[in-house]
Amino acid sequence: MEANRDLDTRGLNCPLPILKAKKALAEMASGQLLKVIATDPGSMRDFQAFARQTGNELVEQTTVADEFIHVLKRR
């Protein structure tokens, strides 16, 4: 899946990955995809809650080694 924008939040803990994703999404057009790479295990549930609360769609979540990848679609 090709994202319109990538956001590297490796090494950052909650709530920084969410805050950075929120800022990035605000700068994007509706329907665009944001790929967030995180190392915080809590980011899996954090991004699920973020998507529910904001109306942005959580398109995909995957784990690769010790990295968590979240793909959000801007509402």
Protein backbone atom coordinates (compact mmCIF):
# COMPACT_ATOMS: atom_id res chain seq x y z
CA MET A 1 0.00 0.00 0.00
CA GLU A 2 1.49 3.30 -1.11
CA ALA A 3 1.04 6.12 1.40
CA ASN A 4 0.97 9.79 0.44
CA ARG A 5 3.12 10.62 3.44
CA ASP A 6 5.37 8.65 5.83
CA LEU A 7 5.85 9.60 9.47
CA ASP A 8 8.72 8.10 11.48
CA THR A 9 7.96 8.11 15.21
CA ARG A 10 10.45 5.40 16.19
CA GLY A 11 11.78 5.94 19.70
CA LEU A 12 8.84 8.12 20.76
CA ASN A 13 6.36 7.02 23.41
CA CYS A 14 2.70 7.83 23.89
CA PRO A 15 1.27 10.35 23.24
CA LEU A 16 3.90 11.71 20.83
CA PRO A 17 3.19 9.34 17.88
CA ILE A 18 -0.52 10.24 18.05
CA LEU A 19 0.16 13.97 18.34
CA LYS A 20 2.55 13.91 15.38
CA ALA A 21 0.06 11.88 13.32
CA LYS A 22 -2.73 14.32 14.18
CA LYS A 23 -0.60 17.25 13.00
CA ALA A 24 0.40 15.44 9.79
CA LEU A 25 -3.21 14.49 8.99
CA ALA A 26 -4.32 18.10 9.45
CA GLU A 27 -1.94 19.09 6.64
CA MET A 28 -3.23 16.39 4.26
CA ALA A 29 -6.18 16.31 1.88
CA SER A 30 -9.23 14.14 2.45
CA GLY A 31 -8.69 10.55 1.29
CA GLN A 32 -4.90 10.68 1.47
CA LEU A 33 -2.98 7.96 3.33
CA LEU A 34 -0.55 8.49 6.20
CA LYS A 35 1.86 5.71 7.16
CA VAL A 36 3.16 5.92 10.73
CA ILE A 37 6.11 3.80 11.89
CA ALA A 38 6.32 3.45 15.67
CA THR A 39 8.26 1.38 18.21
CA ASP A 40 5.86 1.93 21.13
CA PRO A 41 3.83 -1.30 21.60
CA GLY A 42 0.97 0.76 23.03
CA SER A 43 0.61 2.49 19.66
CA MET A 44 -1.46 -0.45 18.39
CA ARG A 45 -4.38 0.32 20.69
CA ASP A 46 -3.66 4.08 20.69
CA PHE A 47 -4.14 4.37 16.93
CA GLN A 48 -7.32 2.25 17.07
CA ALA A 49 -8.78 4.65 19.65
CA PHE A 50 -7.51 7.68 17.72
CA ALA A 51 -9.27 6.51 14.55
CA ARG A 52 -12.56 5.92 16.40
CA GLN A 53 -12.41 9.34 18.07
CA THR A 54 -11.42 11.39 15.02
CA GLY A 55 -13.31 9.66 12.21
CA ASN A 56 -10.11 8.96 10.27
CA GLU A 57 -10.02 5.39 8.95
CA LEU A 58 -7.40 2.97 10.27
CA VAL A 59 -6.75 1.12 7.02
CA GLU A 60 -4.02 -1.24 8.19
CA GLN A 61 -1.91 -2.16 11.21
CA THR A 62 1.07 -4.48 10.95
CA THR A 63 4.01 -5.51 13.09
CA VAL A 64 7.42 -6.01 11.53
CA ALA A 65 10.12 -7.11 14.00
CA ASP A 66 9.96 -4.46 16.75
CA GLU A 67 8.18 -1.84 14.63
CA PHE A 68 4.46 -1.14 14.45
CA ILE A 69 3.10 0.26 11.19
CA HIS A 70 -0.19 2.11 11.06
CA VAL A 71 -1.86 3.37 7.90
CA LEU A 72 -4.54 6.02 8.36
CA LYS A 73 -6.86 7.47 5.71
CA ARG A 74 -7.66 11.17 6.19
CA ARG A 75 -11.38 11.78 6.55
